[in-house]
Amino acid sequence: QIEMLDKIMYRESRCNLYAINKTDPNGGSFGLMQINGFWVDFCKLNKKRDLIDPSINLRCSLSIFNYAKSRYDNGWGPWNEQE
C-alpha cells in the first residue's frame, strides 16, 4: 500500500505538509493527504488545522482508509482511487 500512499500524497499535496485547499467543501482540505474538514470529528480532532501536523494527518488517513475498507471494501475510495 505504500506505493499508493506515495502516489496519492504527491497528487494531493505535492508532499507539502502545509497544503491547504480552502475551496473544498466542509471548510477545505488539509495537509499531506488533503483530508477534508468533514473528517475532523471522525478523527476526533479539535480543529481542522490539526491536520497540518504530518503525524496526525497520516494517522487520520489510516483511520479513514480502514473505515472505507471495512464499509466499502475500498480503503482508497475517499481519495477516488481503486485498490
PDB file of N, CA and C in Angstrom:
ATOM      1  N   GLN A   1       0.803  -1.201   0.000  1.00  0.00           N
ATOM      2  CA  GLN A   1       0.000   0.000   0.000  1.00  0.00           C
ATOM      3  C   GLN A   1       0.852   1.274   0.000  1.00  0.00           C
ATOM      4  N   ILE A   2       2.139   1.127   0.309  1.00  0.00           N
ATOM      5  CA  ILE A   2       2.992   2.316   0.407  1.00  0.00           C
ATOM      6  C   ILE A   2       3.116   3.042  -0.931  1.00  0.00           C
ATOM      7  N   GLU A   3       3.145   2.298  -2.012  1.00  0.00           N
ATOM      8  CA  GLU A   3       3.246   2.937  -3.328  1.00  0.00           C
ATOM      9  C   GLU A   3       2.002   3.784  -3.623  1.00  0.00           C
ATOM     10  N   MET A   4       0.831   3.267  -3.264  1.00  0.00           N
ATOM     11  CA  MET A   4      -0.399   4.019  -3.467  1.00  0.00           C
ATOM     12  C   MET A   4      -0.425   5.233  -2.539  1.00  0.00           C
ATOM     13  N   LEU A   5       0.022   5.064  -1.314  1.00  0.00           N
ATOM     14  CA  LEU A   5       0.094   6.194  -0.382  1.00  0.00           C
ATOM     15  C   LEU A   5       0.988   7.290  -0.950  1.00  0.00           C
ATOM     16  N   ASP A   6       2.148   6.914  -1.445  1.00  0.00           N
ATOM     17  CA  ASP A   6       3.066   7.894  -2.056  1.00  0.00           C
ATOM     18  C   ASP A   6       2.412   8.607  -3.239  1.00  0.00           C
ATOM     19  N   LYS A   7       1.750   7.839  -4.087  1.00  0.00           N
ATOM     20  CA  LYS A   7       1.099   8.408  -5.268  1.00  0.00           C
ATOM     21  C   LYS A   7       0.035   9.432  -4.870  1.00  0.00           C
ATOM     22  N   ILE A   8      -0.802   9.056  -3.918  1.00  0.00           N
ATOM     23  CA  ILE A   8      -1.886   9.944  -3.502  1.00  0.00           C
ATOM     24  C   ILE A   8      -1.334  11.173  -2.790  1.00  0.00           C
ATOM     25  N   MET A   9      -0.349  10.970  -1.918  1.00  0.00           N
ATOM     26  CA  MET A   9       0.234  12.098  -1.201  1.00  0.00           C
ATOM     27  C   MET A   9       0.844  13.107  -2.171  1.00  0.00           C
ATOM     28  N   TYR A  10       1.505  12.614  -3.196  1.00  0.00           N
ATOM     29  CA  TYR A  10       2.090  13.523  -4.184  1.00  0.00           C
ATOM     30  C   TYR A  10       0.997  14.236  -4.985  1.00  0.00           C
ATOM     31  N   ARG A  11      -0.009  13.498  -5.403  1.00  0.00           N
ATOM     32  CA  ARG A  11      -1.090  14.099  -6.181  1.00  0.00           C
ATOM     33  C   ARG A  11      -1.875  15.133  -5.370  1.00  0.00           C
ATOM     34  N   GLU A  12      -2.151  14.808  -4.129  1.00  0.00           N
ATOM     35  CA  GLU A  12      -2.991  15.680  -3.305  1.00  0.00           C
ATOM     36  C   GLU A  12      -2.289  16.951  -2.857  1.00  0.00           C
ATOM     37  N   SER A  13      -1.013  16.835  -2.433  1.00  0.00           N
ATOM     38  CA  SER A  13      -0.358  17.998  -1.815  1.00  0.00           C
ATOM     39  C   SER A  13       1.042  18.276  -2.338  1.00  0.00           C
ATOM     40  N   ARG A  14       1.499  17.457  -3.292  1.00  0.00           N
ATOM     41  CA  ARG A  14       2.901  17.545  -3.726  1.00  0.00           C
ATOM     42  C   ARG A  14       3.827  17.371  -2.524  1.00  0.00           C
ATOM     43  N   CYS A  15       3.350  16.593  -1.525  1.00  0.00           N
ATOM     44  CA  CYS A  15       4.078  16.274  -0.289  1.00  0.00           C
ATOM     45  C   CYS A  15       4.375  17.520   0.543  1.00  0.00           C
ATOM     46  N   ASN A  16       3.520  18.523   0.410  1.00  0.00           N
ATOM     47  CA  ASN A  16       3.646  19.763   1.162  1.00  0.00           C
ATOM     48  C   ASN A  16       2.883  19.620   2.478  1.00  0.00           C
ATOM     49  N   LEU A  17       3.613  19.643   3.592  1.00  0.00           N
ATOM     50  CA  LEU A  17       3.000  19.483   4.909  1.00  0.00           C
ATOM     51  C   LEU A  17       1.918  20.521   5.180  1.00  0.00           C
ATOM     52  N   TYR A  18       2.094  21.706   4.621  1.00  0.00           N
ATOM     53  CA  TYR A  18       1.234  22.841   4.940  1.00  0.00           C
ATOM     54  C   TYR A  18       0.178  23.128   3.877  1.00  0.00           C
ATOM     55  N   ALA A  19      -0.038  22.208   2.971  1.00  0.00           N
ATOM     56  CA  ALA A  19      -1.005  22.422   1.894  1.00  0.00           C
ATOM     57  C   ALA A  19      -2.418  22.563   2.450  1.00  0.00           C
ATOM     58  N   ILE A  20      -3.097  23.587   1.989  1.00  0.00           N
ATOM     59  CA  ILE A  20      -4.496  23.820   2.348  1.00  0.00           C
ATOM     60  C   ILE A  20      -5.245  24.191   1.074  1.00  0.00           C
ATOM     61  N   ASN A  21      -6.364  23.525   0.849  1.00  0.00           N
ATOM     62  CA  ASN A  21      -7.238  23.861  -0.270  1.00  0.00           C
ATOM     63  C   ASN A  21      -8.524  24.412   0.325  1.00  0.00           C
ATOM     64  N   LYS A  22      -8.622  25.715   0.392  1.00  0.00           N
ATOM     65  CA  LYS A  22      -9.777  26.371   1.013  1.00  0.00           C
ATOM     66  C   LYS A  22     -11.042  26.262   0.173  1.00  0.00           C
ATOM     67  N   THR A  23     -10.913  25.890  -1.092  1.00  0.00           N
ATOM     68  CA  THR A  23     -12.090  25.825  -1.959  1.00  0.00           C
ATOM     69  C   THR A  23     -12.859  24.513  -1.830  1.00  0.00           C
ATOM     70  N   ASP A  24     -12.279  23.523  -1.182  1.00  0.00           N
ATOM     71  CA  ASP A  24     -13.005  22.266  -0.979  1.00  0.00           C
ATOM     72  C   ASP A  24     -14.176  22.497  -0.027  1.00  0.00           C
ATOM     73  N   PRO A  25     -15.240  21.716  -0.182  1.00  0.00           N
ATOM     74  CA  PRO A  25     -16.386  21.862   0.720  1.00  0.00           C
ATOM     75  C   PRO A  25     -16.015  21.477   2.159  1.00  0.00           C
ATOM     76  N   ASN A  26     -16.894  21.759   3.089  1.00  0.00           N
ATOM     77  CA  ASN A  26     -16.714  21.419   4.505  1.00  0.00           C
ATOM     78  C   ASN A  26     -15.498  22.086   5.130  1.00  0.00           C
ATOM     79  N   GLY A  27     -15.178  23.280   4.691  1.00  0.00           N
ATOM     80  CA  GLY A  27     -14.093  24.028   5.311  1.00  0.00           C
ATOM     81  C   GLY A  27     -12.721  23.784   4.744  1.00  0.00           C
ATOM     82  N   GLY A  28     -12.617  23.087   3.636  1.00  0.00           N
ATOM     83  CA  GLY A  28     -11.334  22.894   2.992  1.00  0.00           C
ATOM     84  C   GLY A  28     -10.722  21.530   3.269  1.00  0.00           C
ATOM     85  N   SER A  29      -9.549  21.304   2.667  1.00  0.00           N
ATOM     86  CA  SER A  29      -8.775  20.081   2.846  1.00  0.00           C
ATOM     87  C   SER A  29      -7.366  20.462   3.261  1.00  0.00           C
ATOM     88  N   PHE A  30      -6.734  19.599   4.064  1.00  0.00           N
ATOM     89  CA  PHE A  30      -5.518  19.979   4.765  1.00  0.00           C
ATOM     90  C   PHE A  30      -4.435  18.907   4.725  1.00  0.00           C
ATOM     91  N   GLY A  31      -3.191  19.374   4.679  1.00  0.00           N
ATOM     92  CA  GLY A  31      -2.030  18.532   4.900  1.00  0.00           C
ATOM     93  C   GLY A  31      -1.655  17.606   3.767  1.00  0.00           C
ATOM     94  N   LEU A  32      -0.787  16.668   4.104  1.00  0.00           N
ATOM     95  CA  LEU A  32      -0.198  15.754   3.121  1.00  0.00           C
ATOM     96  C   LEU A  32      -1.242  15.023   2.281  1.00  0.00           C
ATOM     97  N   MET A  33      -2.249  14.496   2.944  1.00  0.00           N
ATOM     98  CA  MET A  33      -3.257  13.701   2.241  1.00  0.00           C
ATOM     99  C   MET A  33      -4.507  14.505   1.905  1.00  0.00           C
ATOM    100  N   GLN A  34      -4.468  15.823   2.143  1.00  0.00           N
ATOM    101  CA  GLN A  34      -5.595  16.714   1.862  1.00  0.00           C
ATOM    102  C   GLN A  34      -6.903  16.151   2.423  1.00  0.00           C
ATOM    103  N   ILE A  35      -6.892  15.937   3.726  1.00  0.00           N
ATOM    104  CA  ILE A  35      -8.068  15.425   4.414  1.00  0.00           C
ATOM    105  C   ILE A  35      -9.083  16.552   4.543  1.00  0.00           C
ATOM    106  N   ASN A  36     -10.295  16.264   4.126  1.00  0.00           N
ATOM    107  CA  ASN A  36     -11.364  17.248   4.133  1.00  0.00           C
ATOM    108  C   ASN A  36     -11.844  17.496   5.562  1.00  0.00           C
ATOM    109  N   GLY A  37     -12.282  18.726   5.810  1.00  0.00           N
ATOM    110  CA  GLY A  37     -12.802  19.102   7.112  1.00  0.00           C
ATOM    111  C   GLY A  37     -13.929  18.210   7.603  1.00  0.00           C
ATOM    112  N   PHE A  38     -14.619  17.551   6.692  1.00  0.00           N
ATOM    113  CA  PHE A  38     -15.684  16.607   7.041  1.00  0.00           C
ATOM    114  C   PHE A  38     -15.217  15.567   8.046  1.00  0.00           C
ATOM    115  N   TRP A  39     -13.936  15.159   7.961  1.00  0.00           N
ATOM    116  CA  TRP A  39     -13.399  14.060   8.766  1.00  0.00           C
ATOM    117  C   TRP A  39     -12.888  14.474  10.141  1.00  0.00           C
ATOM    118  N   VAL A  40     -12.933  15.744  10.474  1.00  0.00           N
ATOM    119  CA  VAL A  40     -12.370  16.214  11.745  1.00  0.00           C
ATOM    120  C   VAL A  40     -13.010  15.513  12.943  1.00  0.00           C
ATOM    121  N   ASP A  41     -14.324  15.446  12.984  1.00  0.00           N
ATOM    122  CA  ASP A  41     -14.987  14.765  14.105  1.00  0.00           C
ATOM    123  C   ASP A  41     -14.682  13.268  14.099  1.00  0.00           C
ATOM    124  N   PHE A  42     -14.705  12.667  12.932  1.00  0.00           N
ATOM    125  CA  PHE A  42     -14.414  11.235  12.809  1.00  0.00           C
ATOM    126  C   PHE A  42     -13.038  10.917  13.382  1.00  0.00           C
ATOM    127  N   CYS A  43     -12.067  11.783  13.123  1.00  0.00           N
ATOM    128  CA  CYS A  43     -10.698  11.568  13.588  1.00  0.00           C
ATOM    129  C   CYS A  43     -10.486  12.094  15.008  1.00  0.00           C
ATOM    130  N   LYS A  44     -11.556  12.609  15.617  1.00  0.00           N
ATOM    131  CA  LYS A  44     -11.515  13.109  16.995  1.00  0.00           C
ATOM    132  C   LYS A  44     -10.480  14.218  17.178  1.00  0.00           C
ATOM    133  N   LEU A  45     -10.518  15.176  16.262  1.00  0.00           N
ATOM    134  CA  LEU A  45      -9.604  16.314  16.318  1.00  0.00           C
ATOM    135  C   LEU A  45     -10.325  17.533  16.880  1.00  0.00           C
ATOM    136  N   ASN A  46      -9.565  18.453  17.411  1.00  0.00           N
ATOM    137  CA  ASN A  46     -10.142  19.686  17.959  1.00  0.00           C
ATOM    138  C   ASN A  46     -10.487  20.687  16.868  1.00  0.00           C
ATOM    139  N   LYS A  47      -9.634  20.738  15.845  1.00  0.00           N
ATOM    140  CA  LYS A  47      -9.852  21.713  14.773  1.00  0.00           C
ATOM    141  C   LYS A  47      -9.223  21.205  13.480  1.00  0.00           C
ATOM    142  N   LYS A  48      -9.682  21.765  12.369  1.00  0.00           N
ATOM    143  CA  LYS A  48      -9.187  21.342  11.055  1.00  0.00           C
ATOM    144  C   LYS A  48      -7.682  21.540  10.926  1.00  0.00           C
ATOM    145  N   ARG A  49      -7.178  22.618  11.492  1.00  0.00           N
ATOM    146  CA  ARG A  49      -5.753  22.925  11.369  1.00  0.00           C
ATOM    147  C   ARG A  49      -4.860  21.857  11.995  1.00  0.00           C
ATOM    148  N   ASP A  50      -5.415  21.003  12.872  1.00  0.00           N
ATOM    149  CA  ASP A  50      -4.627  19.894  13.432  1.00  0.00           C
ATOM    150  C   ASP A  50      -4.102  18.987  12.320  1.00  0.00           C
ATOM    151  N   LEU A  51      -4.808  18.989  11.185  1.00  0.00           N
ATOM    152  CA  LEU A  51      -4.423  18.120  10.065  1.00  0.00           C
ATOM    153  C   LEU A  51      -3.143  18.567   9.370  1.00  0.00           C
ATOM    154  N   ILE A  52      -2.626  19.739   9.721  1.00  0.00           N
ATOM    155  CA  ILE A  52      -1.364  20.205   9.156  1.00  0.00           C
ATOM    156  C   ILE A  52      -0.189  19.391   9.723  1.00  0.00           C
ATOM    157  N   ASP A  53      -0.351  18.894  10.942  1.00  0.00           N
ATOM    158  CA  ASP A  53       0.688  18.056  11.571  1.00  0.00           C
ATOM    159  C   ASP A  53       0.767  16.739  10.794  1.00  0.00           C
ATOM    160  N   PRO A  54       1.939  16.403  10.230  1.00  0.00           N
ATOM    161  CA  PRO A  54       2.017  15.212   9.377  1.00  0.00           C
ATOM    162  C   PRO A  54       1.678  13.911  10.099  1.00  0.00           C
ATOM    163  N   SER A  55       2.038  13.779  11.367  1.00  0.00           N
ATOM    164  CA  SER A  55       1.717  12.529  12.066  1.00  0.00           C
ATOM    165  C   SER A  55       0.210  12.411  12.291  1.00  0.00           C
ATOM    166  N   ILE A  56      -0.437  13.513  12.616  1.00  0.00           N
ATOM    167  CA  ILE A  56      -1.896  13.498  12.769  1.00  0.00           C
ATOM    168  C   ILE A  56      -2.558  13.240  11.427  1.00  0.00           C
ATOM    169  N   ASN A  57      -2.058  13.875  10.378  1.00  0.00           N
ATOM    170  CA  ASN A  57      -2.626  13.720   9.049  1.00  0.00           C
ATOM    171  C   ASN A  57      -2.559  12.263   8.597  1.00  0.00           C
ATOM    172  N   LEU A  58      -1.421  11.633   8.790  1.00  0.00           N
ATOM    173  CA  LEU A  58      -1.272  10.245   8.337  1.00  0.00           C
ATOM    174  C   LEU A  58      -2.052   9.271   9.212  1.00  0.00           C
ATOM    175  N   ARG A  59      -2.122   9.526  10.510  1.00  0.00           N
ATOM    176  CA  ARG A  59      -2.938   8.653  11.380  1.00  0.00           C
ATOM    177  C   ARG A  59      -4.417   8.787  11.027  1.00  0.00           C
ATOM    178  N   CYS A  60      -4.861   9.997  10.766  1.00  0.00           N
ATOM    179  CA  CYS A  60      -6.245  10.215  10.364  1.00  0.00           C
ATOM    180  C   CYS A  60      -6.514   9.543   9.009  1.00  0.00           C
ATOM    181  N   SER A  61      -5.559   9.647   8.106  1.00  0.00           N
ATOM    182  CA  SER A  61      -5.683   8.982   6.796  1.00  0.00           C
ATOM    183  C   SER A  61      -5.851   7.480   6.964  1.00  0.00           C
ATOM    184  N   LEU A  62      -5.089   6.898   7.877  1.00  0.00           N
ATOM    185  CA  LEU A  62      -5.197   5.463   8.130  1.00  0.00           C
ATOM    186  C   LEU A  62      -6.580   5.120   8.690  1.00  0.00           C
ATOM    187  N   SER A  63      -7.089   5.941   9.585  1.00  0.00           N
ATOM    188  CA  SER A  63      -8.439   5.706  10.122  1.00  0.00           C
ATOM    189  C   SER A  63      -9.487   5.771   9.019  1.00  0.00           C
ATOM    190  N   ILE A  64      -9.353   6.759   8.149  1.00  0.00           N
ATOM    191  CA  ILE A  64     -10.284   6.903   7.021  1.00  0.00           C
ATOM    192  C   ILE A  64     -10.154   5.700   6.083  1.00  0.00           C
ATOM    193  N   PHE A  65      -8.925   5.304   5.792  1.00  0.00           N
ATOM    194  CA  PHE A  65      -8.675   4.140   4.934  1.00  0.00           C
ATOM    195  C   PHE A  65      -9.352   2.895   5.522  1.00  0.00           C
ATOM    196  N   ASN A  66      -9.117   2.644   6.820  1.00  0.00           N
ATOM    197  CA  ASN A  66      -9.682   1.453   7.463  1.00  0.00           C
ATOM    198  C   ASN A  66     -11.210   1.483   7.464  1.00  0.00           C
ATOM    199  N   TYR A  67     -11.782   2.647   7.694  1.00  0.00           N
ATOM    200  CA  TYR A  67     -13.237   2.794   7.655  1.00  0.00           C
ATOM    201  C   TYR A  67     -13.766   2.471   6.255  1.00  0.00           C
ATOM    202  N   ALA A  68     -13.171   3.058   5.234  1.00  0.00           N
ATOM    203  CA  ALA A  68     -13.625   2.829   3.858  1.00  0.00           C
ATOM    204  C   ALA A  68     -13.406   1.374   3.444  1.00  0.00           C
ATOM    205  N   LYS A  69     -12.330   0.787   3.899  1.00  0.00           N
ATOM    206  CA  LYS A  69     -12.035  -0.617   3.576  1.00  0.00           C
ATOM    207  C   LYS A  69     -13.104  -1.526   4.181  1.00  0.00           C
ATOM    208  N   SER A  70     -13.444  -1.291   5.456  1.00  0.00           N
ATOM    209  CA  SER A  70     -14.429  -2.153   6.105  1.00  0.00           C
ATOM    210  C   SER A  70     -15.847  -1.899   5.597  1.00  0.00           C
ATOM    211  N   ARG A  71     -16.153  -0.666   5.282  1.00  0.00           N
ATOM    212  CA  ARG A  71     -17.516  -0.329   4.870  1.00  0.00           C
ATOM    213  C   ARG A  71     -17.765  -0.555   3.380  1.00  0.00           C
ATOM    214  N   TYR A  72     -16.786  -0.199   2.541  1.00  0.00           N
ATOM    215  CA  TYR A  72     -16.982  -0.230   1.086  1.00  0.00           C
ATOM    216  C   TYR A  72     -16.012  -1.153   0.354  1.00  0.00           C
ATOM    217  N   ASP A  73     -15.142  -1.818   1.112  1.00  0.00           N
ATOM    218  CA  ASP A  73     -14.116  -2.699   0.556  1.00  0.00           C
ATOM    219  C   ASP A  73     -13.173  -1.960  -0.394  1.00  0.00           C
ATOM    220  N   ASN A  74     -12.968  -0.671  -0.139  1.00  0.00           N
ATOM    221  CA  ASN A  74     -12.012   0.117  -0.922  1.00  0.00           C
ATOM    222  C   ASN A  74     -11.475   1.238  -0.032  1.00  0.00           C
ATOM    223  N   GLY A  75     -10.359   0.959   0.608  1.00  0.00           N
ATOM    224  CA  GLY A  75      -9.768   1.938   1.513  1.00  0.00           C
ATOM    225  C   GLY A  75      -9.357   3.223   0.863  1.00  0.00           C
ATOM    226  N   TRP A  76      -9.011   3.162  -0.416  1.00  0.00           N
ATOM    227  CA  TRP A  76      -8.569   4.378  -1.121  1.00  0.00           C
ATOM    228  C   TRP A  76      -9.728   5.159  -1.724  1.00  0.00           C
ATOM    229  N   GLY A  77     -10.935   4.658  -1.592  1.00  0.00           N
ATOM    230  CA  GLY A  77     -12.100   5.311  -2.166  1.00  0.00           C
ATOM    231  C   GLY A  77     -12.253   6.790  -1.806  1.00  0.00           C
ATOM    232  N   PRO A  78     -12.020   7.177  -0.543  1.00  0.00           N
ATOM    233  CA  PRO A  78     -12.153   8.602  -0.224  1.00  0.00           C
ATOM    234  C   PRO A  78     -11.203   9.511  -1.015  1.00  0.00           C
ATOM    235  N   TRP A  79     -10.170   8.921  -1.591  1.00  0.00           N
ATOM    236  CA  TRP A  79      -9.241   9.686  -2.441  1.00  0.00           C
ATOM    237  C   TRP A  79      -9.477   9.390  -3.917  1.00  0.00           C
ATOM    238  N   ASN A  80     -10.630   8.779  -4.218  1.00  0.00           N
ATOM    239  CA  ASN A  80     -11.035   8.450  -5.596  1.00  0.00           C
ATOM    240  C   ASN A  80     -10.036   7.538  -6.289  1.00  0.00           C
ATOM    241  N   GLU A  81      -9.553   6.558  -5.569  1.00  0.00           N
ATOM    242  CA  GLU A  81      -8.639   5.568  -6.126  1.00  0.00           C
ATOM    243  C   GLU A  81      -9.190   4.171  -5.870  1.00  0.00           C
ATOM    244  N   GLN A  82      -8.816   3.240  -6.697  1.00  0.00           N
ATOM    245  CA  GLN A  82      -9.179   1.845  -6.539  1.00  0.00           C
ATOM    246  C   GLN A  82      -7.990   1.056  -6.007  1.00  0.00           C
ATOM    247  N   GLU A  83      -8.300   0.046  -5.203  1.00  0.00           N
ATOM    248  CA  GLU A  83      -7.211  -0.817  -4.703  1.00  0.00           C
ATOM    249  C   GLU A  83      -6.868  -1.854  -5.747  1.00  0.00           C
TER     250      GLU A  83
END
